[in-house]
PDB file of N, CA and C in Angstrom:
ATOM      1  N   MET A   1      69.235 116.764 119.667  1.00  0.00           N
ATOM      2  CA  MET A   1      70.283 117.658 119.205  1.00  0.00           C
ATOM      3  C   MET A   1      70.243 117.726 117.680  1.00  0.00           C
ATOM      4  N   PRO A   2      70.118 118.888 117.071  1.00  0.00           N
ATOM      5  CA  PRO A   2      70.073 118.974 115.622  1.00  0.00           C
ATOM      6  C   PRO A   2      71.414 118.586 115.024  1.00  0.00           C
ATOM      7  N   ASP A   3      71.354 117.939 113.877  1.00  0.00           N
ATOM      8  CA  ASP A   3      72.561 117.498 113.192  1.00  0.00           C
ATOM      9  C   ASP A   3      73.170 118.688 112.465  1.00  0.00           C
ATOM     10  N   LYS A   4      74.426 118.999 112.755  1.00  0.00           N
ATOM     11  CA  LYS A   4      75.069 120.136 112.111  1.00  0.00           C
ATOM     12  C   LYS A   4      76.560 119.891 112.025  1.00  0.00           C
ATOM     13  N   LEU A   5      77.222 120.717 111.240  1.00  0.00           N
ATOM     14  CA  LEU A   5      78.660 120.662 111.105  1.00  0.00           C
ATOM     15  C   LEU A   5      79.307 121.072 112.420  1.00  0.00           C
ATOM     16  N   ILE A   6      80.298 120.297 112.829  1.00  0.00           N
ATOM     17  CA  ILE A   6      81.044 120.621 114.039  1.00  0.00           C
ATOM     18  C   ILE A   6      82.454 120.968 113.608  1.00  0.00           C
ATOM     19  N   GLU A   7      82.961 122.093 114.044  1.00  0.00           N
ATOM     20  CA  GLU A   7      84.335 122.449 113.723  1.00  0.00           C
ATOM     21  C   GLU A   7      85.202 122.209 114.939  1.00  0.00           C
ATOM     22  N   ILE A   8      86.335 121.567 114.703  1.00  0.00           N
ATOM     23  CA  ILE A   8      87.300 121.366 115.777  1.00  0.00           C
ATOM     24  C   ILE A   8      88.569 122.103 115.409  1.00  0.00           C
ATOM     25  N   ARG A   9      89.340 122.453 116.385  1.00  0.00           N
ATOM     26  CA  ARG A   9      90.598 123.151 116.136  1.00  0.00           C
ATOM     27  C   ARG A   9      91.729 122.312 116.725  1.00  0.00           C
ATOM     28  N   THR A  10      92.529 121.793 115.827  1.00  0.00           N
ATOM     29  CA  THR A  10      93.704 121.038 116.250  1.00  0.00           C
ATOM     30  C   THR A  10      94.909 121.604 115.510  1.00  0.00           C
ATOM     31  N   GLY A  11      95.100 122.892 115.633  1.00  0.00           N
ATOM     32  CA  GLY A  11      96.180 123.536 114.906  1.00  0.00           C
ATOM     33  C   GLY A  11      95.704 124.063 113.566  1.00  0.00           C
ATOM     34  N   SER A  12      94.709 123.435 112.987  1.00  0.00           N
ATOM     35  CA  SER A  12      94.118 123.908 111.745  1.00  0.00           C
ATOM     36  C   SER A  12      92.613 123.705 111.842  1.00  0.00           C
ATOM     37  N   ARG A  13      91.894 124.389 111.004  1.00  0.00           N
ATOM     38  CA  ARG A  13      90.437 124.242 111.023  1.00  0.00           C
ATOM     39  C   ARG A  13      90.064 123.083 110.111  1.00  0.00           C
ATOM     40  N   GLU A  14      89.627 122.020 110.729  1.00  0.00           N
ATOM     41  CA  GLU A  14      89.234 120.831 109.981  1.00  0.00           C
ATOM     42  C   GLU A  14      87.743 120.629 110.163  1.00  0.00           C
ATOM     43  N   LYS A  15      87.050 120.451 109.064  1.00  0.00           N
ATOM     44  CA  LYS A  15      85.616 120.228 109.141  1.00  0.00           C
ATOM     45  C   LYS A  15      85.352 118.760 109.450  1.00  0.00           C
ATOM     46  N   VAL A  16      84.427 118.529 110.333  1.00  0.00           N
ATOM     47  CA  VAL A  16      83.994 117.171 110.631  1.00  0.00           C
ATOM     48  C   VAL A  16      82.474 117.141 110.620  1.00  0.00           C
ATOM     49  N   TYR A  17      81.923 115.966 110.349  1.00  0.00           N
ATOM     50  CA  TYR A  17      80.489 115.822 110.175  1.00  0.00           C
ATOM     51  C   TYR A  17      79.953 114.699 111.046  1.00  0.00           C
ATOM     52  N   THR A  18      78.743 114.859 111.514  1.00  0.00           N
ATOM     53  CA  THR A  18      78.082 113.784 112.242  1.00  0.00           C
ATOM     54  C   THR A  18      77.718 112.695 111.246  1.00  0.00           C
ATOM     55  N   VAL A  19      77.310 111.546 111.746  1.00  0.00           N
ATOM     56  CA  VAL A  19      76.987 110.428 110.873  1.00  0.00           C
ATOM     57  C   VAL A  19      75.829 110.778 109.932  1.00  0.00           C
ATOM     58  N   THR A  20      74.843 111.496 110.429  1.00  0.00           N
ATOM     59  CA  THR A  20      73.695 111.855 109.598  1.00  0.00           C
ATOM     60  C   THR A  20      74.108 112.786 108.465  1.00  0.00           C
ATOM     61  N   THR A  21      74.927 113.774 108.791  1.00  0.00           N
ATOM     62  CA  THR A  21      75.390 114.706 107.763  1.00  0.00           C
ATOM     63  C   THR A  21      76.297 114.003 106.760  1.00  0.00           C
ATOM     64  N   ALA A  22      77.202 113.166 107.237  1.00  0.00           N
ATOM     65  CA  ALA A  22      78.084 112.420 106.338  1.00  0.00           C
ATOM     66  C   ALA A  22      77.260 111.552 105.396  1.00  0.00           C
ATOM     67  N   ALA A  23      76.258 110.859 105.938  1.00  0.00           N
ATOM     68  CA  ALA A  23      75.402 110.009 105.101  1.00  0.00           C
ATOM     69  C   ALA A  23      74.667 110.846 104.060  1.00  0.00           C
ATOM     70  N   ARG A  24      74.216 112.005 104.461  1.00  0.00           N
ATOM     71  CA  ARG A  24      73.491 112.888 103.534  1.00  0.00           C
ATOM     72  C   ARG A  24      74.422 113.361 102.414  1.00  0.00           C
ATOM     73  N   ILE A  25      75.649 113.736 102.763  1.00  0.00           N
ATOM     74  CA  ILE A  25      76.624 114.186 101.764  1.00  0.00           C
ATOM     75  C   ILE A  25      76.924 113.070 100.764  1.00  0.00           C
ATOM     76  N   VAL A  26      77.090 111.865 101.280  1.00  0.00           N
ATOM     77  CA  VAL A  26      77.449 110.715 100.448  1.00  0.00           C
ATOM     78  C   VAL A  26      76.228 110.152  99.707  1.00  0.00           C
ATOM     79  N   ARG A  27      75.054 110.547 100.164  1.00  0.00           N
ATOM     80  CA  ARG A  27      73.780 110.072  99.597  1.00  0.00           C
ATOM     81  C   ARG A  27      73.585 108.573  99.835  1.00  0.00           C
ATOM     82  N   VAL A  28      73.761 108.209 101.090  1.00  0.00           N
ATOM     83  CA  VAL A  28      73.522 106.833 101.519  1.00  0.00           C
ATOM     84  C   VAL A  28      72.754 106.878 102.828  1.00  0.00           C
ATOM     85  N   PRO A  29      72.104 105.777 103.198  1.00  0.00           N
ATOM     86  CA  PRO A  29      71.468 105.739 104.520  1.00  0.00           C
ATOM     87  C   PRO A  29      72.513 105.678 105.632  1.00  0.00           C
ATOM     88  N   VAL A  30      72.132 106.126 106.795  1.00  0.00           N
ATOM     89  CA  VAL A  30      73.028 106.076 107.960  1.00  0.00           C
ATOM     90  C   VAL A  30      73.475 104.634 108.201  1.00  0.00           C
ATOM     91  N   GLU A  31      72.604 103.687 107.939  1.00  0.00           N
ATOM     92  CA  GLU A  31      72.946 102.268 108.135  1.00  0.00           C
ATOM     93  C   GLU A  31      74.134 101.853 107.268  1.00  0.00           C
ATOM     94  N   PHE A  32      74.246 102.441 106.078  1.00  0.00           N
ATOM     95  CA  PHE A  32      75.379 102.141 105.208  1.00  0.00           C
ATOM     96  C   PHE A  32      76.679 102.606 105.869  1.00  0.00           C
ATOM     97  N   VAL A  33      76.665 103.799 106.439  1.00  0.00           N
ATOM     98  CA  VAL A  33      77.845 104.325 107.134  1.00  0.00           C
ATOM     99  C   VAL A  33      78.180 103.432 108.327  1.00  0.00           C
ATOM    100  N   ASP A  34      77.152 103.037 109.078  1.00  0.00           N
ATOM    101  CA  ASP A  34      77.368 102.152 110.227  1.00  0.00           C
ATOM    102  C   ASP A  34      77.970 100.816 109.783  1.00  0.00           C
ATOM    103  N   GLU A  35      77.478 100.273 108.677  1.00  0.00           N
ATOM    104  CA  GLU A  35      77.995  98.990 108.171  1.00  0.00           C
ATOM    105  C   GLU A  35      79.455  99.138 107.730  1.00  0.00           C
ATOM    106  N   CYS A  36      79.781 100.240 107.089  1.00  0.00           N
ATOM    107  CA  CYS A  36      81.173 100.487 106.693  1.00  0.00           C
ATOM    108  C   CYS A  36      82.085 100.550 107.917  1.00  0.00           C
ATOM    109  N   GLU A  37      81.573 101.143 108.972  1.00  0.00           N
ATOM    110  CA  GLU A  37      82.334 101.217 110.212  1.00  0.00           C
ATOM    111  C   GLU A  37      82.501  99.827 110.825  1.00  0.00           C
ATOM    112  N   ARG A  38      81.432  99.041 110.859  1.00  0.00           N
ATOM    113  CA  ARG A  38      81.503  97.674 111.402  1.00  0.00           C
ATOM    114  C   ARG A  38      82.477  96.812 110.609  1.00  0.00           C
ATOM    115  N   GLU A  39      82.545  97.056 109.296  1.00  0.00           N
ATOM    116  CA  GLU A  39      83.450  96.290 108.440  1.00  0.00           C
ATOM    117  C   GLU A  39      84.872  96.854 108.446  1.00  0.00           C
ATOM    118  N   ASN A  40      85.103  97.865 109.297  1.00  0.00           N
ATOM    119  CA  ASN A  40      86.418  98.517 109.425  1.00  0.00           C
ATOM    120  C   ASN A  40      86.902  99.154 108.127  1.00  0.00           C
ATOM    121  N   LEU A  41      85.963  99.614 107.304  1.00  0.00           N
ATOM    122  CA  LEU A  41      86.325 100.328 106.092  1.00  0.00           C
ATOM    123  C   LEU A  41      86.547 101.811 106.375  1.00  0.00           C
ATOM    124  N   ILE A  42      85.948 102.293 107.448  1.00  0.00           N
ATOM    125  CA  ILE A  42      86.145 103.672 107.893  1.00  0.00           C
ATOM    126  C   ILE A  42      86.281 103.672 109.407  1.00  0.00           C
ATOM    127  N   GLN A  43      86.916 104.710 109.936  1.00  0.00           N
ATOM    128  CA  GLN A  43      87.047 104.868 111.377  1.00  0.00           C
ATOM    129  C   GLN A  43      86.681 106.307 111.730  1.00  0.00           C
ATOM    130  N   PRO A  44      85.631 106.494 112.506  1.00  0.00           N
ATOM    131  CA  PRO A  44      85.272 107.856 112.897  1.00  0.00           C
ATOM    132  C   PRO A  44      86.208 108.366 113.986  1.00  0.00           C
ATOM    133  N   ALA A  45      86.220 109.665 114.124  1.00  0.00           N
ATOM    134  CA  ALA A  45      86.912 110.287 115.250  1.00  0.00           C
ATOM    135  C   ALA A  45      85.862 110.557 116.322  1.00  0.00           C
ATOM    136  N   ILE A  46      86.303 110.764 117.529  1.00  0.00           N
ATOM    137  CA  ILE A  46      85.392 111.116 118.618  1.00  0.00           C
ATOM    138  C   ILE A  46      85.720 112.544 119.053  1.00  0.00           C
ATOM    139  N   VAL A  47      84.733 113.407 118.967  1.00  0.00           N
ATOM    140  CA  VAL A  47      84.894 114.800 119.385  1.00  0.00           C
ATOM    141  C   VAL A  47      83.780 115.110 120.368  1.00  0.00           C
ATOM    142  N   HIS A  48      84.161 115.477 121.571  1.00  0.00           N
ATOM    143  CA  HIS A  48      83.192 115.779 122.633  1.00  0.00           C
ATOM    144  C   HIS A  48      82.204 114.621 122.806  1.00  0.00           C
ATOM    145  N   GLY A  49      82.740 113.397 122.757  1.00  0.00           N
ATOM    146  CA  GLY A  49      81.919 112.214 122.965  1.00  0.00           C
ATOM    147  C   GLY A  49      81.022 111.831 121.801  1.00  0.00           C
ATOM    148  N   GLN A  50      81.170 112.500 120.660  1.00  0.00           N
ATOM    149  CA  GLN A  50      80.313 112.218 119.506  1.00  0.00           C
ATOM    150  C   GLN A  50      81.173 111.728 118.343  1.00  0.00           C
ATOM    151  N   LYS A  51      80.692 110.692 117.637  1.00  0.00           N
ATOM    152  CA  LYS A  51      81.396 110.207 116.462  1.00  0.00           C
ATOM    153  C   LYS A  51      81.260 111.236 115.349  1.00  0.00           C
ATOM    154  N   VAL A  52      82.396 111.535 114.717  1.00  0.00           N
ATOM    155  CA  VAL A  52      82.404 112.473 113.601  1.00  0.00           C
ATOM    156  C   VAL A  52      83.287 111.922 112.480  1.00  0.00           C
ATOM    157  N   TYR A  53      83.062 112.445 111.282  1.00  0.00           N
ATOM    158  CA  TYR A  53      83.773 111.990 110.089  1.00  0.00           C
ATOM    159  C   TYR A  53      84.375 113.203 109.403  1.00  0.00           C
ATOM    160  N   ASP A  54      85.668 113.101 109.060  1.00  0.00           N
ATOM    161  CA  ASP A  54      86.325 114.220 108.384  1.00  0.00           C
ATOM    162  C   ASP A  54      86.123 114.118 106.872  1.00  0.00           C
ATOM    163  N   ASP A  55      86.632 115.112 106.149  1.00  0.00           N
ATOM    164  CA  ASP A  55      86.452 115.147 104.694  1.00  0.00           C
ATOM    165  C   ASP A  55      87.052 113.927 104.008  1.00  0.00           C
ATOM    166  N   GLU A  56      88.201 113.476 104.481  1.00  0.00           N
ATOM    167  CA  GLU A  56      88.840 112.309 103.881  1.00  0.00           C
ATOM    168  C   GLU A  56      87.953 111.063 104.030  1.00  0.00           C
ATOM    169  N   THR A  57      87.347 110.904 105.189  1.00  0.00           N
ATOM    170  CA  THR A  57      86.467 109.763 105.420  1.00  0.00           C
ATOM    171  C   THR A  57      85.216 109.858 104.542  1.00  0.00           C
ATOM    172  N   VAL A  58      84.714 111.063 104.373  1.00  0.00           N
ATOM    173  CA  VAL A  58      83.546 111.251 103.500  1.00  0.00           C
ATOM    174  C   VAL A  58      83.911 110.882 102.062  1.00  0.00           C
ATOM    175  N   ARG A  59      85.095 111.299 101.601  1.00  0.00           N
ATOM    176  CA  ARG A  59      85.530 110.919 100.245  1.00  0.00           C
ATOM    177  C   ARG A  59      85.674 109.397 100.138  1.00  0.00           C
ATOM    178  N   ARG A  60      86.185 108.776 101.191  1.00  0.00           N
ATOM    179  CA  ARG A  60      86.325 107.311 101.209  1.00  0.00           C
ATOM    180  C   ARG A  60      84.946 106.657 101.129  1.00  0.00           C
ATOM    181  N   LEU A  61      83.972 107.214 101.850  1.00  0.00           N
ATOM    182  CA  LEU A  61      82.602 106.682 101.786  1.00  0.00           C
ATOM    183  C   LEU A  61      82.030 106.801 100.375  1.00  0.00           C
ATOM    184  N   ILE A  62      82.339 107.882  99.693  1.00  0.00           N
ATOM    185  CA  ILE A  62      81.875 108.034  98.308  1.00  0.00           C
ATOM    186  C   ILE A  62      82.477 106.942  97.436  1.00  0.00           C
ATOM    187  N   ARG A  63      83.773 106.649  97.621  1.00  0.00           N
ATOM    188  CA  ARG A  63      84.408 105.557  96.861  1.00  0.00           C
ATOM    189  C   ARG A  63      83.734 104.221  97.178  1.00  0.00           C
ATOM    190  N   ILE A  64      83.470 103.999  98.457  1.00  0.00           N
ATOM    191  CA  ILE A  64      82.834 102.739  98.872  1.00  0.00           C
ATOM    192  C   ILE A  64      81.447 102.633  98.253  1.00  0.00           C
ATOM    193  N   ARG A  65      80.695 103.728  98.273  1.00  0.00           N
ATOM    194  CA  ARG A  65      79.363 103.727  97.653  1.00  0.00           C
ATOM    195  C   ARG A  65      79.466 103.370  96.176  1.00  0.00           C
ATOM    196  N   HIS A  66      80.424 103.973  95.479  1.00  0.00           N
ATOM    197  CA  HIS A  66      80.612 103.680  94.053  1.00  0.00           C
ATOM    198  C   HIS A  66      80.947 102.206  93.828  1.00  0.00           C
ATOM    199  N   LEU A  67      81.848 101.689  94.649  1.00  0.00           N
ATOM    200  CA  LEU A  67      82.259 100.288  94.476  1.00  0.00           C
ATOM    201  C   LEU A  67      81.117  99.315  94.768  1.00  0.00           C
ATOM    202  N   THR A  68      80.304  99.638  95.765  1.00  0.00           N
ATOM    203  CA  THR A  68      79.218  98.715  96.123  1.00  0.00           C
ATOM    204  C   THR A  68      78.006  98.880  95.212  1.00  0.00           C
ATOM    205  N   ARG A  69      77.554 100.101  95.039  1.00  0.00           N
ATOM    206  CA  ARG A  69      76.338 100.330  94.248  1.00  0.00           C
ATOM    207  C   ARG A  69      76.563 100.220  92.752  1.00  0.00           C
ATOM    208  N   ASP A  70      77.573 100.922  92.256  1.00  0.00           N
ATOM    209  CA  ASP A  70      77.783 100.990  90.811  1.00  0.00           C
ATOM    210  C   ASP A  70      78.481  99.764  90.251  1.00  0.00           C
ATOM    211  N   LEU A  71      79.399  99.203  91.016  1.00  0.00           N
ATOM    212  CA  LEU A  71      80.174  98.071  90.512  1.00  0.00           C
ATOM    213  C   LEU A  71      79.767  96.743  91.125  1.00  0.00           C
ATOM    214  N   GLY A  72      78.924  96.783  92.146  1.00  0.00           N
ATOM    215  CA  GLY A  72      78.396  95.551  92.721  1.00  0.00           C
ATOM    216  C   GLY A  72      79.345  94.786  93.613  1.00  0.00           C
ATOM    217  N   PHE A  73      80.385  95.418  94.122  1.00  0.00           N
ATOM    218  CA  PHE A  73      81.338  94.735  94.988  1.00  0.00           C
ATOM    219  C   PHE A  73      80.746  94.569  96.380  1.00  0.00           C
ATOM    220  N   ASP A  74      81.098  93.452  97.029  1.00  0.00           N
ATOM    221  CA  ASP A  74      80.725  93.312  98.437  1.00  0.00           C
ATOM    222  C   ASP A  74      81.809  93.977  99.290  1.00  0.00           C
ATOM    223  N   PHE A  75      81.594  94.042 100.604  1.00  0.00           N
ATOM    224  CA  PHE A  75      82.517  94.779 101.465  1.00  0.00           C
ATOM    225  C   PHE A  75      83.914  94.159 101.493  1.00  0.00           C
ATOM    226  N   ASN A  76      84.018  92.836 101.356  1.00  0.00           N
ATOM    227  CA  ASN A  76      85.345  92.214 101.311  1.00  0.00           C
ATOM    228  C   ASN A  76      86.110  92.661 100.067  1.00  0.00           C
ATOM    229  N   ALA A  77      85.416  92.705  98.934  1.00  0.00           N
ATOM    230  CA  ALA A  77      86.048  93.156  97.694  1.00  0.00           C
ATOM    231  C   ALA A  77      86.411  94.636  97.795  1.00  0.00           C
ATOM    232  N   VAL A  78      85.542  95.427  98.404  1.00  0.00           N
ATOM    233  CA  VAL A  78      85.816  96.857  98.591  1.00  0.00           C
ATOM    234  C   VAL A  78      87.077  97.028  99.427  1.00  0.00           C
ATOM    235  N   ASP A  79      87.192  96.267 100.501  1.00  0.00           N
ATOM    236  CA  ASP A  79      88.376  96.343 101.355  1.00  0.00           C
ATOM    237  C   ASP A  79      89.628  96.030 100.548  1.00  0.00           C
ATOM    238  N   CYS A  80      89.553  95.007  99.710  1.00  0.00           N
ATOM    239  CA  CYS A  80      90.688  94.620  98.869  1.00  0.00           C
ATOM    240  C   CYS A  80      91.037  95.740  97.887  1.00  0.00           C
ATOM    241  N   VAL A  81      90.043  96.304  97.227  1.00  0.00           N
ATOM    242  CA  VAL A  81      90.267  97.378  96.254  1.00  0.00           C
ATOM    243  C   VAL A  81      90.886  98.593  96.947  1.00  0.00           C
ATOM    244  N   LEU A  82      90.346  98.970  98.097  1.00  0.00           N
ATOM    245  CA  LEU A  82      90.874 100.131  98.818  1.00  0.00           C
ATOM    246  C   LEU A  82      92.304  99.885  99.298  1.00  0.00           C
ATOM    247  N   HIS A  83      92.584  98.647  99.713  1.00  0.00           N
ATOM    248  CA  HIS A  83      93.948  98.297 100.128  1.00  0.00           C
ATOM    249  C   HIS A  83      94.901  98.407  98.938  1.00  0.00           C
ATOM    250  N   MET A  84      94.488  97.863  97.794  1.00  0.00           N
ATOM    251  CA  MET A  84      95.324  97.936  96.592  1.00  0.00           C
ATOM    252  C   MET A  84      95.518  99.396  96.167  1.00  0.00           C
ATOM    253  N   ARG A  85      94.475 100.204  96.303  1.00  0.00           N
ATOM    254  CA  ARG A  85      94.566 101.626  95.947  1.00  0.00           C
ATOM    255  C   ARG A  85      95.607 102.320  96.828  1.00  0.00           C
ATOM    256  N   ARG A  86      95.583 102.023  98.136  1.00  0.00           N
ATOM    257  CA  ARG A  86      96.577 102.617  99.039  1.00  0.00           C
ATOM    258  C   ARG A  86      97.991 102.200  98.636  1.00  0.00           C
ATOM    259  N   GLN A  87      98.152 100.931  98.262  1.00  0.00           N
ATOM    260  CA  GLN A  87      99.467 100.450  97.846  1.00  0.00           C
ATOM    261  C   GLN A  87      99.924 101.152  96.570  1.00  0.00           C
ATOM    262  N   ILE A  88      99.018 101.300  95.621  1.00  0.00           N
ATOM    263  CA  ILE A  88      99.362 101.974  94.364  1.00  0.00           C
ATOM    264  C   ILE A  88      99.765 103.419  94.631  1.00  0.00           C
ATOM    265  N   LEU A  89      98.987 104.118  95.458  1.00  0.00           N
ATOM    266  CA  LEU A  89      99.322 105.507  95.785  1.00  0.00           C
ATOM    267  C   LEU A  89     100.676 105.597  96.480  1.00  0.00           C
ATOM    268  N   SER A  90     100.946 104.647  97.363  1.00  0.00           N
ATOM    269  CA  SER A  90     102.228 104.628  98.057  1.00  0.00           C
ATOM    270  C   SER A  90     103.375 104.388  97.070  1.00  0.00           C
ATOM    271  N   LEU A  91     103.185 103.454  96.152  1.00  0.00           N
ATOM    272  CA  LEU A  91     104.218 103.174  95.150  1.00  0.00           C
ATOM    273  C   LEU A  91     104.421 104.367  94.220  1.00  0.00           C
ATOM    274  N   GLN A  92     103.340 105.044  93.857  1.00  0.00           N
ATOM    275  CA  GLN A  92     103.464 106.231  93.012  1.00  0.00           C
ATOM    276  C   GLN A  92     104.253 107.319  93.732  1.00  0.00           C
ATOM    277  N   LYS A  93     103.997 107.475  95.019  1.00  0.00           N
ATOM    278  CA  LYS A  93     104.723 108.469  95.809  1.00  0.00           C
ATOM    279  C   LYS A  93     106.203 108.106  95.880  1.00  0.00           C
ATOM    280  N   GLU A  94     106.493 106.831  96.124  1.00  0.00           N
ATOM    281  CA  GLU A  94     107.883 106.375  96.163  1.00  0.00           C
ATOM    282  C   GLU A  94     108.579 106.617  94.835  1.00  0.00           C
ATOM    283  N   ARG A  95     107.887 106.302  93.729  1.00  0.00           N
ATOM    284  CA  ARG A  95     108.468 106.502  92.402  1.00  0.00           C
ATOM    285  C   ARG A  95     108.776 107.973  92.168  1.00  0.00           C
ATOM    286  N   LYS A  96     107.846 108.841  92.540  1.00  0.00           N
ATOM    287  CA  LYS A  96     108.057 110.275  92.356  1.00  0.00           C
ATOM    288  C   LYS A  96     109.260 110.756  93.165  1.00  0.00           C
ATOM    289  N   GLU A  97     109.350 110.306  94.417  1.00  0.00           N
ATOM    290  CA  GLU A  97     110.487 110.686  95.260  1.00  0.00           C
ATOM    291  C   GLU A  97     111.796 110.179  94.663  1.00  0.00           C
ATOM    292  N   MET A  98     111.775 108.951  94.132  1.00  0.00           N
ATOM    293  CA  MET A  98     112.968 108.384  93.523  1.00  0.00           C
ATOM    294  C   MET A  98     113.354 109.172  92.278  1.00  0.00           C
ATOM    295  N   GLU A  99     112.373 109.540  91.460  1.00  0.00           N
ATOM    296  CA  GLU A  99     112.650 110.337  90.271  1.00  0.00           C
ATOM    297  C   GLU A  99     113.265 111.676  90.652  1.00  0.00           C
ATOM    298  N   GLU A 100     112.759 112.292  91.727  1.00  0.00           N
ATOM    299  CA  GLU A 100     113.313 113.565  92.185  1.00  0.00           C
ATOM    300  C   GLU A 100     114.751 113.399  92.652  1.00  0.00           C
ATOM    301  N   ARG A 101     115.016 112.305  93.400  1.00  0.00           N
ATOM    302  CA  ARG A 101     116.396 112.050  93.846  1.00  0.00           C
ATOM    303  C   ARG A 101     117.318 111.799  92.653  1.00  0.00           C
ATOM    304  N   MET A 102     116.822 111.041  91.672  1.00  0.00           N
ATOM    305  CA  MET A 102     117.638 110.753  90.486  1.00  0.00           C
ATOM    306  C   MET A 102     117.910 112.030  89.695  1.00  0.00           C
ATOM    307  N   PHE A 103     116.906 112.898  89.575  1.00  0.00           N
ATOM    308  CA  PHE A 103     117.100 114.153  88.864  1.00  0.00           C
ATOM    309  C   PHE A 103     118.130 115.017  89.589  1.00  0.00           C
ATOM    310  N   GLN A 104     118.017 115.072  90.910  1.00  0.00           N
ATOM    311  CA  GLN A 104     118.969 115.851  91.699  1.00  0.00           C
ATOM    312  C   GLN A 104     120.379 115.291  91.534  1.00  0.00           C
ATOM    313  N   ARG A 105     120.516 113.974  91.580  1.00  0.00           N
ATOM    314  CA  ARG A 105     121.843 113.351  91.410  1.00  0.00           C
ATOM    315  C   ARG A 105     122.387 113.609  90.006  1.00  0.00           C
ATOM    316  N   GLU A 106     121.510 113.559  89.007  1.00  0.00           N
ATOM    317  CA  GLU A 106     121.920 113.843  87.636  1.00  0.00           C
ATOM    318  C   GLU A 106     122.465 115.267  87.520  1.00  0.00           C
ATOM    319  N   GLN A 107     121.779 116.211  88.163  1.00  0.00           N
ATOM    320  CA  GLN A 107     122.244 117.605  88.142  1.00  0.00           C
ATOM    321  C   GLN A 107     123.601 117.726  88.825  1.00  0.00           C
ATOM    322  N   GLU A 108     123.783 117.028  89.933  1.00  0.00           N
ATOM    323  CA  GLU A 108     125.070 117.048  90.628  1.00  0.00           C
ATOM    324  C   GLU A 108     126.174 116.495  89.736  1.00  0.00           C
ATOM    325  N   LEU A 109     125.898 115.389  89.046  1.00  0.00           N
ATOM    326  CA  LEU A 109     126.897 114.785  88.164  1.00  0.00           C
ATOM    327  C   LEU A 109     127.203 115.683  86.973  1.00  0.00           C
ATOM    328  N   LEU A 110     126.184 116.314  86.414  1.00  0.00           N
ATOM    329  CA  LEU A 110     126.410 117.235  85.300  1.00  0.00           C
ATOM    330  C   LEU A 110     127.258 118.419  85.741  1.00  0.00           C
ATOM    331  N   ASN A 111     127.006 118.924  86.945  1.00  0.00           N
ATOM    332  CA  ASN A 111     127.832 120.012  87.484  1.00  0.00           C
ATOM    333  C   ASN A 111     129.277 119.560  87.672  1.00  0.00           C
ATOM    334  N   GLU A 112     129.424 118.346  88.169  1.00  0.00           N
ATOM    335  CA  GLU A 112     130.770 117.808  88.368  1.00  0.00           C
ATOM    336  C   GLU A 112     131.495 117.647  87.036  1.00  0.00           C
ATOM    337  N   ILE A 113     130.797 117.161  86.029  1.00  0.00           N
ATOM    338  CA  ILE A 113     131.389 117.018  84.685  1.00  0.00           C
ATOM    339  C   ILE A 113     131.809 118.377  84.149  1.00  0.00           C
ATOM    340  N   GLU A 114     130.944 119.356  84.310  1.00  0.00           N
ATOM    341  CA  GLU A 114     131.266 120.709  83.827  1.00  0.00           C
ATOM    342  C   GLU A 114     132.485 121.265  84.545  1.00  0.00           C
ATOM    343  N   ASN A 115     132.562 121.062  85.856  1.00  0.00           N
ATOM    344  CA  ASN A 115     133.733 121.526  86.605  1.00  0.00           C
ATOM    345  C   ASN A 115     135.001 120.820  86.145  1.00  0.00           C
ATOM    346  N   LEU A 116     134.921 119.538  85.863  1.00  0.00           N
ATOM    347  CA  LEU A 116     136.089 118.803  85.367  1.00  0.00           C
ATOM    348  C   LEU A 116     136.504 119.314  83.998  1.00  0.00           C
ATOM    349  N   ARG A 117     135.555 119.601  83.127  1.00  0.00           N
ATOM    350  CA  ARG A 117     135.881 120.147  81.798  1.00  0.00           C
ATOM    351  C   ARG A 117     136.618 121.479  81.931  1.00  0.00           C
ATOM    352  N   LYS A 118     136.137 122.316  82.852  1.00  0.00           N
ATOM    353  CA  LYS A 118     136.782 123.611  83.059  1.00  0.00           C
ATOM    354  C   LYS A 118     138.197 123.430  83.579  1.00  0.00           C
ATOM    355  N   ARG A 119     138.401 122.500  84.500  1.00  0.00           N
ATOM    356  CA  ARG A 119     139.735 122.251  85.039  1.00  0.00           C
ATOM    357  C   ARG A 119     140.669 121.734  83.954  1.00  0.00           C
ATOM    358  N   ILE A 120     140.163 120.853  83.122  1.00  0.00           N
ATOM    359  CA  ILE A 120     140.984 120.303  82.039  1.00  0.00           C
ATOM    360  C   ILE A 120     141.348 121.406  81.038  1.00  0.00           C
ATOM    361  N   ALA A 121     140.395 122.273  80.767  1.00  0.00           N
ATOM    362  CA  ALA A 121     140.652 123.351  79.803  1.00  0.00           C
ATOM    363  C   ALA A 121     141.682 124.349  80.346  1.00  0.00           C
ATOM    364  N   ARG A 122     141.711 124.556  81.663  1.00  0.00           N
ATOM    365  CA  ARG A 122     142.652 125.516  82.248  1.00  0.00           C
ATOM    366  C   ARG A 122     144.070 125.000  82.321  1.00  0.00           C
ATOM    367  N   LYS A 123     144.254 123.747  82.708  1.00  0.00           N
ATOM    368  CA  LYS A 123     145.610 123.234  82.875  1.00  0.00           C
ATOM    369  C   LYS A 123     145.820 121.978  82.049  1.00  0.00           C
ATOM    370  N   PRO A 124     146.278 122.165  80.892  1.00  0.00           N
ATOM    371  CA  PRO A 124     146.646 120.955  80.153  1.00  0.00           C
ATOM    372  C   PRO A 124     147.976 120.418  80.688  1.00  0.00           C
ATOM    373  N   GLU A 125     147.888 119.317  81.399  1.00  0.00           N
ATOM    374  CA  GLU A 125     149.096 118.759  82.049  1.00  0.00           C
ATOM    375  C   GLU A 125     149.699 117.639  81.226  1.00  0.00           C
ATOM    376  N   TRP A 126     149.200 117.315  80.101  1.00  0.00           N
ATOM    377  CA  TRP A 126     149.805 116.247  79.326  1.00  0.00           C
ATOM    378  C   TRP A 126     150.518 116.798  78.201  1.00  0.00           C
TER     379      TRP A 126
END
């Protein structure tokens, strides 16, 4: 069977790649992809009985390649770095959401202050 892009439809058009195509995109041997899978650094999907990799997994493989080849990390260190990266991204998302909530609350309080100023200006009761 020739190696080619397989498109699946699960509500949206998501591109998925066979192991050979994913390895070619990432510029690594297929064995590298297999080793990443054995080390639980990536998880393929199964489509029509065939293992496939989505764009996110391919990007993850590129990060893994960089960490192993360029920086010399072993797979345990890569797992640690990727775990820390996920935590950092999660914390950044939480911070952004908190900043948005704080900004919204600040706007509510400023509106309330403005309404109180208007009420005070209309009825001086003292």
